[in-house]
Protein backbone atom coordinates (compact mmCIF):
# COMPACT_ATOMS: atom_id res chain seq x y z
CA MET A 1 6.04 -31.34 -33.55
CA THR A 2 3.80 -28.82 -33.76
CA ARG A 3 2.52 -27.71 -29.98
CA ALA A 4 -1.53 -27.39 -30.40
CA THR A 5 -3.08 -24.20 -29.94
CA TRP A 6 -6.78 -22.92 -29.14
CA ARG A 7 -8.65 -22.72 -31.90
CA THR A 8 -10.41 -19.48 -30.18
CA ARG A 9 -10.45 -17.44 -27.24
CA VAL A 10 -13.75 -18.71 -25.94
CA GLY A 11 -13.05 -22.20 -26.39
CA PHE A 12 -9.95 -21.36 -24.40
CA VAL A 13 -12.43 -19.45 -21.99
CA LEU A 14 -14.88 -21.78 -21.49
CA ALA A 15 -12.46 -24.73 -21.07
CA ALA A 16 -10.75 -23.23 -18.58
CA VAL A 17 -14.36 -22.99 -16.89
CA GLY A 18 -14.52 -26.32 -17.30
CA SER A 19 -11.59 -26.88 -15.50
CA ALA A 20 -12.63 -25.05 -13.00
CA VAL A 21 -16.35 -25.80 -12.54
CA GLY A 22 -16.37 -29.31 -11.56
CA LEU A 23 -17.40 -31.89 -8.91
CA GLY A 24 -15.20 -28.29 -6.34
CA ASN A 25 -18.33 -26.21 -6.82
CA ILE A 26 -21.16 -29.14 -6.63
CA TRP A 27 -19.44 -31.91 -5.02
CA ARG A 28 -17.47 -30.57 -2.26
CA PHE A 29 -19.12 -27.24 -1.82
CA PRO A 30 -22.08 -27.74 -0.48
CA TRP A 31 -20.99 -30.27 2.56
CA LEU A 32 -17.94 -28.06 3.09
CA THR A 33 -20.33 -24.95 2.89
CA ALA A 34 -21.88 -26.67 5.74
CA GLN A 35 -19.97 -28.25 7.86
CA ASN A 36 -18.17 -24.25 8.04
CA GLY A 37 -21.91 -22.25 9.15
CA GLY A 38 -23.26 -21.51 6.09
CA ALA A 39 -22.95 -17.82 4.62
CA ALA A 40 -20.26 -17.95 7.27
CA PHE A 41 -17.83 -19.94 4.27
CA LEU A 42 -19.23 -18.43 1.70
CA LEU A 43 -18.38 -14.99 2.53
CA LEU A 44 -14.41 -15.83 2.83
CA TYR A 45 -14.58 -17.99 -0.11
CA VAL A 46 -15.71 -15.20 -2.39
CA LEU A 47 -12.90 -13.56 -0.60
CA VAL A 48 -10.26 -15.08 -0.52
CA ILE A 49 -11.49 -15.92 -5.21
CA VAL A 50 -11.05 -12.29 -5.41
CA LEU A 51 -7.77 -12.42 -2.99
CA VAL A 52 -6.13 -15.12 -3.93
CA GLY A 53 -7.67 -17.22 -6.15
CA VAL A 54 -7.44 -14.30 -9.22
CA PRO A 55 -3.78 -13.18 -8.30
CA GLY A 56 -2.82 -16.63 -8.49
CA LEU A 57 -4.56 -18.03 -11.12
CA LEU A 58 -2.69 -15.24 -13.37
CA GLY A 59 0.11 -16.05 -11.86
CA GLU A 60 0.36 -19.63 -12.96
CA MET A 61 -0.97 -18.64 -16.43
CA VAL A 62 2.32 -16.01 -16.74
CA ILE A 63 4.31 -18.96 -16.02
CA GLY A 64 2.23 -21.09 -18.48
CA ARG A 65 2.58 -18.73 -20.80
CA ARG A 66 5.45 -17.50 -20.91
CA SER A 67 7.49 -21.45 -21.65
CA ARG A 68 4.63 -22.77 -23.50
CA ARG A 69 5.68 -25.85 -21.56
CA ASN A 70 3.54 -28.55 -19.08
CA PRO A 71 4.40 -27.74 -15.54
CA VAL A 72 7.89 -29.87 -15.53
CA GLY A 73 8.74 -28.20 -18.89
CA ALA A 74 7.83 -24.91 -17.87
CA PHE A 75 9.75 -24.37 -14.23
CA GLY A 76 13.17 -26.24 -16.38
CA GLU A 77 12.85 -23.94 -19.05
CA LEU A 78 11.84 -20.17 -17.18
CA GLY A 79 14.10 -21.31 -13.94
CA GLY A 80 16.63 -24.55 -14.83
CA ARG A 81 16.94 -27.65 -14.01
CA ARG A 82 16.48 -27.64 -9.95
CA TRP A 83 13.51 -25.83 -10.66
CA ARG A 84 12.09 -28.95 -12.63
CA VAL A 85 11.23 -30.73 -9.29
CA LEU A 86 8.38 -27.56 -8.25
CA GLY A 87 6.82 -28.97 -12.07
CA GLY A 88 7.15 -32.68 -10.19
CA VAL A 89 5.43 -31.24 -7.11
CA ALA A 90 2.12 -29.81 -10.14
CA LEU A 91 2.31 -33.28 -11.70
CA LEU A 92 1.78 -35.22 -7.87
CA ALA A 93 -0.97 -33.06 -7.13
CA SER A 94 -2.66 -33.33 -10.48
CA VAL A 95 -2.31 -37.37 -9.32
CA VAL A 96 -3.67 -37.54 -6.20
CA VAL A 97 -6.87 -35.42 -7.16
CA LEU A 98 -8.02 -37.47 -10.13
CA SER A 99 -7.65 -40.42 -8.75
CA PHE A 100 -10.21 -39.81 -5.50
CA TYR A 101 -12.04 -37.28 -8.56
CA SER A 102 -12.93 -40.28 -11.37
CA VAL A 103 -14.24 -42.24 -8.31
CA VAL A 104 -16.61 -39.84 -7.66
CA GLY A 105 -17.08 -39.05 -11.13
CA GLY A 106 -18.07 -42.78 -11.43
CA TRP A 107 -20.58 -42.87 -8.05
CA ILE A 108 -22.53 -39.67 -10.53
CA LEU A 109 -22.42 -41.92 -13.52
CA ARG A 110 -23.72 -44.73 -11.43
CA TYR A 111 -26.33 -42.53 -10.18
CA THR A 112 -27.52 -40.55 -13.16
CA LEU A 113 -27.99 -44.53 -14.82
CA ALA A 114 -30.12 -45.05 -11.40
CA SER A 115 -32.07 -42.11 -11.77
CA VAL A 116 -33.99 -44.16 -14.60
CA THR A 117 -35.25 -46.33 -12.71
CA GLY A 118 -35.20 -44.77 -9.00
CA ALA A 119 -33.36 -47.16 -7.67
CA TYR A 120 -31.67 -44.93 -4.52
CA PHE A 121 -35.07 -43.53 -3.53
CA GLY A 122 -36.72 -46.43 -1.23
CA ASN A 123 -33.43 -45.68 0.89
CA PRO A 124 -30.70 -43.54 -0.44
CA GLN A 125 -28.39 -44.01 2.68
CA GLY A 126 -28.65 -48.27 2.29
CA TYR A 127 -27.60 -47.27 -1.70
CA PHE A 128 -24.73 -45.38 -1.08
CA ALA A 129 -23.01 -47.27 1.35
CA ALA A 130 -23.65 -50.71 -0.86
CA ILE A 131 -22.15 -49.12 -4.72
CA ASP A 132 -19.36 -46.15 -2.74
CA TYR A 133 -16.45 -48.62 -2.58
CA GLY A 134 -15.85 -51.76 -4.03
CA VAL A 135 -15.09 -53.79 -7.13
CA GLY A 136 -18.22 -51.73 -8.39
CA ALA A 137 -16.81 -48.30 -7.50
CA ALA A 138 -13.72 -49.27 -8.96
CA GLY A 139 -15.70 -50.03 -12.60
CA PHE A 140 -17.32 -47.38 -12.50
CA HIS A 141 -14.78 -45.13 -12.41
CA ALA A 142 -13.14 -46.82 -15.19
CA LEU A 143 -16.29 -46.28 -17.35
CA PHE A 144 -16.17 -42.20 -16.16
CA LEU A 145 -12.13 -42.22 -16.77
CA LEU A 146 -12.82 -44.05 -20.32
CA ALA A 147 -14.75 -40.81 -21.17
CA THR A 148 -12.00 -38.87 -20.18
CA VAL A 149 -9.37 -40.79 -21.88
CA ALA A 150 -11.99 -40.13 -25.78
CA VAL A 151 -11.78 -36.11 -25.26
CA VAL A 152 -8.34 -36.09 -23.80
CA TYR A 153 -7.12 -38.36 -27.06
CA ALA A 154 -8.79 -36.00 -30.36
CA GLY A 155 -6.56 -33.37 -28.82
CA VAL A 156 -6.66 -29.79 -27.82
CA ASP A 157 -8.60 -28.59 -30.62
CA ARG A 158 -10.68 -31.08 -31.78
CA GLY A 159 -11.44 -32.76 -28.69
CA ILE A 160 -10.84 -30.48 -25.42
CA GLU A 161 -12.01 -27.50 -26.94
CA VAL A 162 -14.58 -29.03 -28.54
CA ALA A 163 -16.31 -30.76 -25.84
CA THR A 164 -16.23 -28.01 -23.85
CA LYS A 165 -17.91 -25.58 -25.83
CA VAL A 166 -21.19 -27.88 -25.50
CA MET A 167 -20.93 -29.00 -21.63
CA VAL A 168 -19.81 -25.64 -20.18
CA PRO A 169 -22.94 -24.12 -22.01
CA GLY A 170 -25.16 -27.04 -20.97
CA ILE A 171 -24.23 -26.51 -17.24
CA VAL A 172 -24.98 -22.81 -17.06
CA LEU A 173 -29.03 -23.69 -18.84
CA LEU A 174 -29.56 -26.50 -17.32
CA PHE A 175 -28.18 -25.60 -13.28
CA GLY A 176 -30.55 -21.98 -13.58
CA GLY A 177 -33.51 -24.00 -14.50
CA LEU A 178 -33.15 -26.13 -11.76
CA ALA A 179 -32.35 -23.18 -9.26
CA ALA A 180 -35.66 -21.24 -11.05
CA TRP A 181 -37.59 -24.27 -10.14
CA ALA A 182 -36.33 -24.84 -6.54
CA ALA A 183 -37.34 -21.01 -5.69
CA THR A 184 -41.03 -22.26 -6.24
CA LEU A 185 -40.74 -25.41 -3.84
CA PRO A 186 -42.03 -24.47 -0.38
CA GLY A 187 -39.73 -23.93 2.36
CA SER A 188 -36.89 -23.44 0.01
CA ALA A 189 -36.09 -19.65 1.68
CA GLY A 190 -34.86 -21.07 4.58
CA GLY A 191 -32.19 -22.93 2.53
CA TYR A 192 -31.22 -18.79 1.15
CA GLU A 193 -31.27 -18.20 4.84
CA PHE A 194 -28.68 -20.94 5.65
CA PHE A 195 -26.06 -20.11 2.64
CA LEU A 196 -27.05 -16.33 2.18
CA SER A 197 -27.45 -14.71 5.89
CA LEU A 198 -24.05 -14.39 8.11
CA ASP A 199 -24.05 -15.63 11.46
CA VAL A 200 -21.36 -13.08 13.01
CA GLY A 201 -20.78 -14.61 15.91
CA TYR A 202 -19.62 -18.19 14.72
CA LEU A 203 -17.63 -16.74 12.25
CA ARG A 204 -15.88 -14.99 14.52
CA ALA A 205 -15.59 -18.13 17.09
CA ASN A 206 -13.92 -20.47 14.48
CA PHE A 207 -12.60 -17.79 12.01
CA PHE A 208 -9.43 -20.07 11.31
CA ASP A 209 -11.00 -23.08 10.69
CA VAL A 210 -13.49 -21.60 7.87
CA LEU A 211 -9.98 -19.60 6.45
CA VAL A 212 -8.62 -22.49 5.76
CA ALA A 213 -11.34 -24.84 4.34
CA ALA A 214 -12.50 -21.88 2.51
CA ALA A 215 -8.86 -21.38 1.31
CA GLY A 216 -8.38 -25.34 0.34
CA GLN A 217 -11.91 -25.24 -1.36
CA ALA A 218 -11.16 -21.27 -3.92
CA LEU A 219 -7.65 -23.30 -5.04
CA PHE A 220 -9.38 -26.54 -5.89
CA THR A 221 -12.24 -24.83 -7.96
CA LEU A 222 -9.83 -22.36 -9.88
CA SER A 223 -7.97 -25.47 -10.65
CA VAL A 224 -4.68 -23.84 -8.75
CA GLY A 225 -1.93 -25.44 -8.03
CA ALA A 226 -1.80 -28.66 -10.09
CA GLY A 227 -0.37 -27.47 -13.11
CA ALA A 228 -4.33 -27.96 -14.57
CA MET A 229 -3.90 -23.45 -15.37
CA LEU A 230 -0.51 -23.26 -16.32
CA THR A 231 -0.68 -26.09 -18.46
CA TYR A 232 -3.78 -24.83 -20.18
CA ALA A 233 -2.18 -21.20 -20.97
CA SER A 234 0.53 -22.97 -22.69
CA TYR A 235 -1.96 -23.44 -25.84
CA ILE A 236 -2.62 -19.55 -25.95
CA GLY A 237 -1.10 -17.09 -28.12
CA GLU A 238 0.51 -13.18 -26.95
CA ASP A 239 -1.77 -11.26 -28.10
CA ARG A 240 -4.58 -12.22 -25.34
CA SER A 241 -4.94 -10.16 -22.15
CA LEU A 242 -4.04 -13.10 -19.33
CA ALA A 243 -6.23 -10.23 -16.96
CA ALA A 244 -9.30 -10.03 -18.69
CA ASP A 245 -9.32 -13.78 -18.99
CA GLY A 246 -8.10 -15.28 -15.29
CA THR A 247 -11.58 -12.61 -13.75
CA LEU A 248 -13.77 -13.61 -16.36
CA ILE A 249 -13.20 -17.63 -15.40
CA ALA A 250 -12.73 -16.16 -11.46
CA GLY A 251 -16.34 -14.85 -12.12
CA LEU A 252 -17.49 -17.50 -14.32
CA ASN A 253 -16.59 -20.61 -11.66
CA THR A 254 -17.92 -18.52 -9.02
CA GLY A 255 -21.15 -17.48 -10.15
CA ILE A 256 -21.58 -21.29 -11.13
CA GLY A 257 -20.81 -22.26 -7.73
CA ILE A 258 -23.07 -19.95 -6.28
CA LEU A 259 -25.96 -20.83 -8.28
CA ALA A 260 -25.07 -24.63 -7.53
CA GLY A 261 -25.85 -23.94 -3.56
CA LEU A 262 -28.97 -21.66 -4.81
CA VAL A 263 -30.24 -25.14 -6.40
CA ILE A 264 -28.56 -27.54 -3.45
CA PHE A 265 -30.08 -25.83 -0.28
CA PRO A 266 -33.10 -24.69 -1.28
CA LEU A 267 -34.35 -28.32 -1.95
CA LEU A 268 -32.76 -29.74 0.93
CA PHE A 269 -34.47 -26.94 3.29
CA SER A 270 -37.70 -27.43 1.39
CA LEU A 271 -37.29 -31.52 2.46
CA GLY A 272 -36.74 -31.30 6.23
CA VAL A 273 -33.24 -32.05 5.92
CA SER A 274 -29.93 -31.52 7.41
CA PRO A 275 -27.94 -29.74 5.23
CA GLY A 276 -24.74 -30.93 6.94
CA GLU A 277 -25.97 -34.89 6.97
CA GLY A 278 -23.22 -37.18 4.85
CA GLY A 279 -20.14 -34.99 4.90
CA PRO A 280 -18.68 -36.09 0.66
CA GLY A 281 -21.46 -38.63 0.35
CA ALA A 282 -24.27 -36.12 1.26
CA LEU A 283 -25.05 -34.88 -2.81
CA PHE A 284 -25.90 -39.02 -2.76
CA VAL A 285 -27.21 -39.49 0.66
CA SER A 286 -29.44 -36.29 1.52
CA LEU A 287 -30.20 -34.85 -1.73
CA ALA A 288 -30.43 -38.03 -3.61
CA GLY A 289 -32.83 -38.93 -1.11
CA ALA A 290 -35.00 -36.10 -1.59
CA PHE A 291 -35.80 -36.21 -4.90
CA ALA A 292 -37.90 -39.32 -4.34
CA ASP A 293 -40.59 -36.52 -2.41
CA LEU A 294 -40.01 -34.42 -5.48
CA PRO A 295 -43.05 -34.41 -8.31
CA TYR A 296 -41.26 -35.87 -11.88
CA SER A 297 -38.42 -37.41 -9.28
CA ARG A 298 -36.84 -39.50 -12.22
CA VAL A 299 -36.62 -36.56 -14.25
CA VAL A 300 -34.93 -34.58 -11.58
CA GLY A 301 -32.95 -37.08 -10.78
CA VAL A 302 -31.60 -37.27 -14.28
CA VAL A 303 -30.61 -33.93 -15.03
CA PHE A 304 -28.94 -32.59 -11.95
CA PHE A 305 -27.05 -35.95 -12.08
CA GLY A 306 -26.25 -35.40 -15.92
CA VAL A 307 -25.71 -31.57 -14.97
CA VAL A 308 -23.07 -32.91 -12.46
CA LEU A 309 -21.53 -35.55 -14.61
CA LEU A 310 -20.83 -33.29 -17.02
CA ALA A 311 -19.23 -31.25 -15.05
CA ALA A 312 -16.96 -33.06 -13.36
CA LEU A 313 -16.26 -34.46 -16.87
CA SER A 314 -14.62 -30.92 -17.96
CA SER A 315 -12.77 -30.69 -14.93
CA ALA A 316 -11.30 -34.74 -15.52
CA ILE A 317 -10.67 -33.50 -19.03
CA SER A 318 -8.18 -30.41 -18.06
CA ILE A 319 -6.23 -32.68 -14.72
CA PHE A 320 -5.55 -35.89 -17.28
CA GLU A 321 -3.76 -32.96 -19.53
CA VAL A 322 -1.34 -32.11 -17.23
CA LEU A 323 0.17 -35.50 -17.52
CA VAL A 324 -0.27 -36.05 -21.60
CA ALA A 325 1.36 -32.73 -21.92
CA TYR A 326 3.99 -33.95 -19.48
CA LEU A 327 5.05 -36.67 -21.57
CA VAL A 328 5.04 -35.39 -24.90
CA ASP A 329 7.00 -31.91 -24.44
CA GLU A 330 9.43 -34.33 -22.16
CA HIS A 331 9.67 -37.68 -23.56
CA GLY A 332 8.55 -37.07 -26.92
CA LEU A 333 5.55 -39.20 -26.61
CA GLY A 334 2.58 -39.02 -29.57
CA ARG A 335 -0.37 -37.80 -28.11
CA SER A 336 -2.30 -41.37 -28.79
CA SER A 337 0.51 -42.95 -26.75
CA ALA A 338 0.63 -40.54 -23.58
CA THR A 339 -2.85 -40.28 -23.67
CA VAL A 340 -3.62 -44.09 -22.80
CA GLY A 341 -0.44 -44.60 -20.82
CA VAL A 342 -1.62 -41.41 -18.32
CA GLY A 343 -5.49 -43.32 -18.63
CA GLY A 344 -3.28 -46.39 -17.59
CA LEU A 345 -1.81 -44.65 -14.74
CA PHE A 346 -5.02 -43.00 -13.30
CA PHE A 347 -7.35 -46.65 -13.61
CA LEU A 348 -4.30 -47.97 -11.61
CA THR A 349 -4.26 -44.94 -9.21
CA GLY A 350 -8.15 -44.82 -8.79
CA SER A 351 -8.95 -48.24 -8.62
CA ALA A 352 -6.81 -47.49 -5.38
CA ALA A 353 -8.86 -45.30 -3.95
CA ALA A 354 -12.14 -46.95 -5.13
CA LEU A 355 -11.15 -49.82 -3.27
CA SER A 356 -10.29 -48.04 0.35
CA PRO A 357 -12.27 -45.19 1.82
CA SER A 358 -9.55 -44.48 3.88
CA LEU A 359 -7.83 -43.78 0.84
CA PHE A 360 -9.76 -41.75 -0.39
CA ALA A 361 -11.14 -39.84 2.25
CA LEU A 362 -7.48 -38.70 2.50
CA LEU A 363 -6.78 -37.93 -0.59
CA ALA A 364 -9.82 -35.92 -1.43
CA ASP A 365 -9.86 -34.28 1.80
CA THR A 366 -6.69 -33.41 3.83
CA VAL A 367 -3.73 -33.60 0.86
CA ALA A 368 -5.76 -32.40 -2.49
CA ASN A 369 -5.86 -29.56 -0.03
CA LEU A 370 -2.74 -29.41 1.21
CA VAL A 371 -0.68 -30.25 -2.01
CA LEU A 372 -2.60 -27.68 -4.08
CA THR A 373 -1.74 -24.88 -1.72
CA ALA A 374 1.83 -26.07 -2.16
CA GLY A 375 1.78 -26.20 -5.51
CA LEU A 376 0.32 -22.63 -5.49
CA LEU A 377 2.93 -20.81 -3.42
CA GLY A 378 6.13 -22.30 -5.26
CA PHE A 379 4.20 -20.94 -8.58
CA LEU A 380 3.59 -17.43 -6.70
CA LEU A 381 7.27 -17.13 -5.88
CA PHE A 382 9.20 -18.64 -8.28
CA ASP A 383 6.97 -15.73 -10.30
CA GLY A 384 7.98 -13.15 -7.31
CA TRP A 385 11.63 -14.18 -7.21
CA VAL A 386 12.84 -16.39 -10.16
CA LEU A 387 11.02 -14.62 -12.59
CA GLY A 388 10.72 -11.28 -11.38
CA LYS A 389 9.96 -8.42 -14.00
CA ALA A 390 9.77 -11.09 -16.71
CA ALA A 391 6.85 -12.15 -15.08
CA LEU A 392 5.41 -8.57 -15.16
CA ASP A 393 5.88 -8.62 -18.58
CA GLU A 394 4.34 -11.54 -18.91
CA TYR A 395 1.67 -10.78 -17.68
CA GLU A 396 1.48 -6.53 -19.38
CA ARG A 397 1.32 -8.46 -23.46
CA GLY A 398 -1.94 -8.29 -24.59
CA ALA A 399 -3.10 -6.88 -21.66
CA GLY A 400 -5.82 -3.23 -22.07
CA ARG A 401 -5.20 0.03 -19.98
CA LEU A 402 -6.82 -1.23 -17.14
CA ALA A 403 -4.99 -4.22 -16.74
CA ARG A 404 -2.01 -2.81 -17.26
CA LEU A 405 -2.55 -0.45 -14.77
CA ALA A 406 -3.39 -3.57 -12.18
CA GLY A 407 0.23 -5.10 -13.14
CA ARG A 408 2.30 -4.00 -10.29
CA PRO A 409 0.07 -4.67 -7.39
CA TRP A 410 -0.44 -7.34 -9.33
CA TYR A 411 3.14 -8.14 -8.78
CA TYR A 412 3.40 -7.58 -5.80
CA ALA A 413 0.89 -9.53 -4.25
CA VAL A 414 2.45 -12.29 -5.74
CA ALA A 415 6.07 -11.57 -4.56
CA VAL A 416 5.12 -10.87 -0.66
CA VAL A 417 1.18 -11.06 -0.03
CA LEU A 418 -0.06 -14.48 -1.16
CA PRO A 419 2.79 -16.50 -0.17
CA LEU A 420 2.97 -15.71 3.52
CA PHE A 421 -1.04 -16.54 3.27
CA LEU A 422 -0.59 -19.37 1.41
CA ALA A 423 2.27 -20.46 3.82
CA PHE A 424 -0.17 -19.57 6.62
CA THR A 425 -2.39 -21.65 5.37
CA LEU A 426 -0.55 -24.42 4.76
CA VAL A 427 1.19 -24.37 8.35
CA SER A 428 -2.51 -24.63 9.78
CA GLY A 429 -3.69 -27.82 7.36
CA LEU A 430 0.00 -29.22 8.67
CA GLY A 431 -0.64 -28.67 11.48
CA GLY A 432 -4.22 -30.24 11.52
CA LEU A 433 -2.60 -33.00 9.85
CA LEU A 434 -0.18 -33.77 12.50
CA GLY A 435 -2.50 -33.86 15.08
CA VAL A 436 -0.89 -30.47 16.40
CA ALA A 437 -2.53 -27.81 17.91
CA VAL A 438 -0.84 -24.68 16.11
CA THR A 439 -1.82 -20.85 17.18
CA ALA A 440 -2.41 -18.47 14.54
CA THR A 441 0.62 -16.92 15.98
CA GLN A 442 2.67 -19.85 15.63
CA ALA A 443 1.44 -20.44 12.10
CA ALA A 444 2.34 -16.72 11.21
CA ILE A 445 5.40 -16.73 12.66
CA VAL A 446 6.67 -19.67 10.55
CA ALA A 447 4.75 -18.80 7.31
CA ALA A 448 6.85 -15.45 7.68
CA VAL A 449 10.28 -17.39 8.18
CA GLY A 450 9.87 -19.90 5.85
CA VAL A 451 9.36 -17.21 3.19
CA ALA A 452 12.03 -15.80 3.94
CA ALA A 453 14.22 -18.34 4.00
CA PHE A 454 12.78 -18.54 0.64
CA ILE A 455 13.48 -15.40 -0.85
CA ALA A 456 16.87 -14.95 0.46
CA ALA A 457 18.26 -18.72 -0.26
CA VAL A 458 17.09 -16.83 -4.52
CA ARG A 459 18.62 -13.66 -3.80
CA PHE A 460 21.64 -15.42 -2.57
CA ARG A 461 21.63 -17.81 -5.96
CA GLY A 462 20.69 -15.29 -8.21
CA ARG A 463 18.05 -15.11 -10.85
CA PRO A 464 18.85 -17.31 -14.17
CA ALA A 465 18.85 -15.40 -17.23
CA ASN A 466 14.68 -15.56 -18.56
């Protein structure tokens, strides 16, 4: 069976940006920013993107292009059968993320339609409480999932590439227009101050809590750790510079996230709404309720939620593709059969999350952060200590002079520095999940011991031929 490929570099970049942009930048980013000190969170988020996200993204892309397989097949091909379990972690992460993601996609679809009539204007809190979970939420989750299935069913080049070439530019243009309009609203300056003015005292007092949240958000928005970028990179040719493409993807993704903040926070402050209200429902309660007081409120609502819907769909497509690629590569299924099968799986898991608020909250917050962090940690340790020099060789294929100069620093970062940081973040997050107080020193010691033990085990058993 001939494996699918991207038709153009632009198609791959826009598909990857679409995967990264999604709800992480528009739904999750504002309420996490509000809960973690505004600009304090933004600063650490950008630093993690630059220092961890970009090298980590390249590490995942290296595995994908070198193997030209799905996550399970990639680790089996490059590392041997025992490493396939690491690809299984990526599949699990994809299931976790899309199970709650499609529920939120259903909320957005419902709000886009409700904006036409202004159904939520009178009582936004009550409207959201009536539609957030239950049979209706499961139904709209199914409709959102059906749209995802339709794009993936059409294939990599004719479905995903064509769709994201339309969606991603549309997201940028519409959000740019909304940001310019939000700047004209009275009181919007307070939103800019909250979002962009750093409170050093808050950052000092809450550094590690903000760091864990920022790291989880950075990995979530870049779609690393769940195998989506690995899968997308498996469809690209060896003549392309992974460093150039990865940096461009991360830069565009971060820029769109900041652009979303420049829309949402000025809007909230202009209407006297606290940015910390609503948690995961902030987009649907605080912001949606504020639309009622704006000129052309219904038009604003349709445009805003329409943009968010495009972003959500572009990300859902990439996560969905991970499991489709696995079934096609490893079990020989046709794309149509694999797509329908994966759609059935996510219909069940998403419906469970739509019917259970406690399950949804667990998946959307703590579990998503942990599985993505664990996934990327495994990917980078694999790059550094299983692939070894082969990872650096793959990084350098198609790379320009500047990217080649950064090759060895990138390799040492993914082999040692970034795994230590990710392990530290993972230990801190697990402590919070289990209700165990873990100091920074304790987390650092456990992280260092864990990474050292992994490296020792790999060196003792020897690297596979690759």
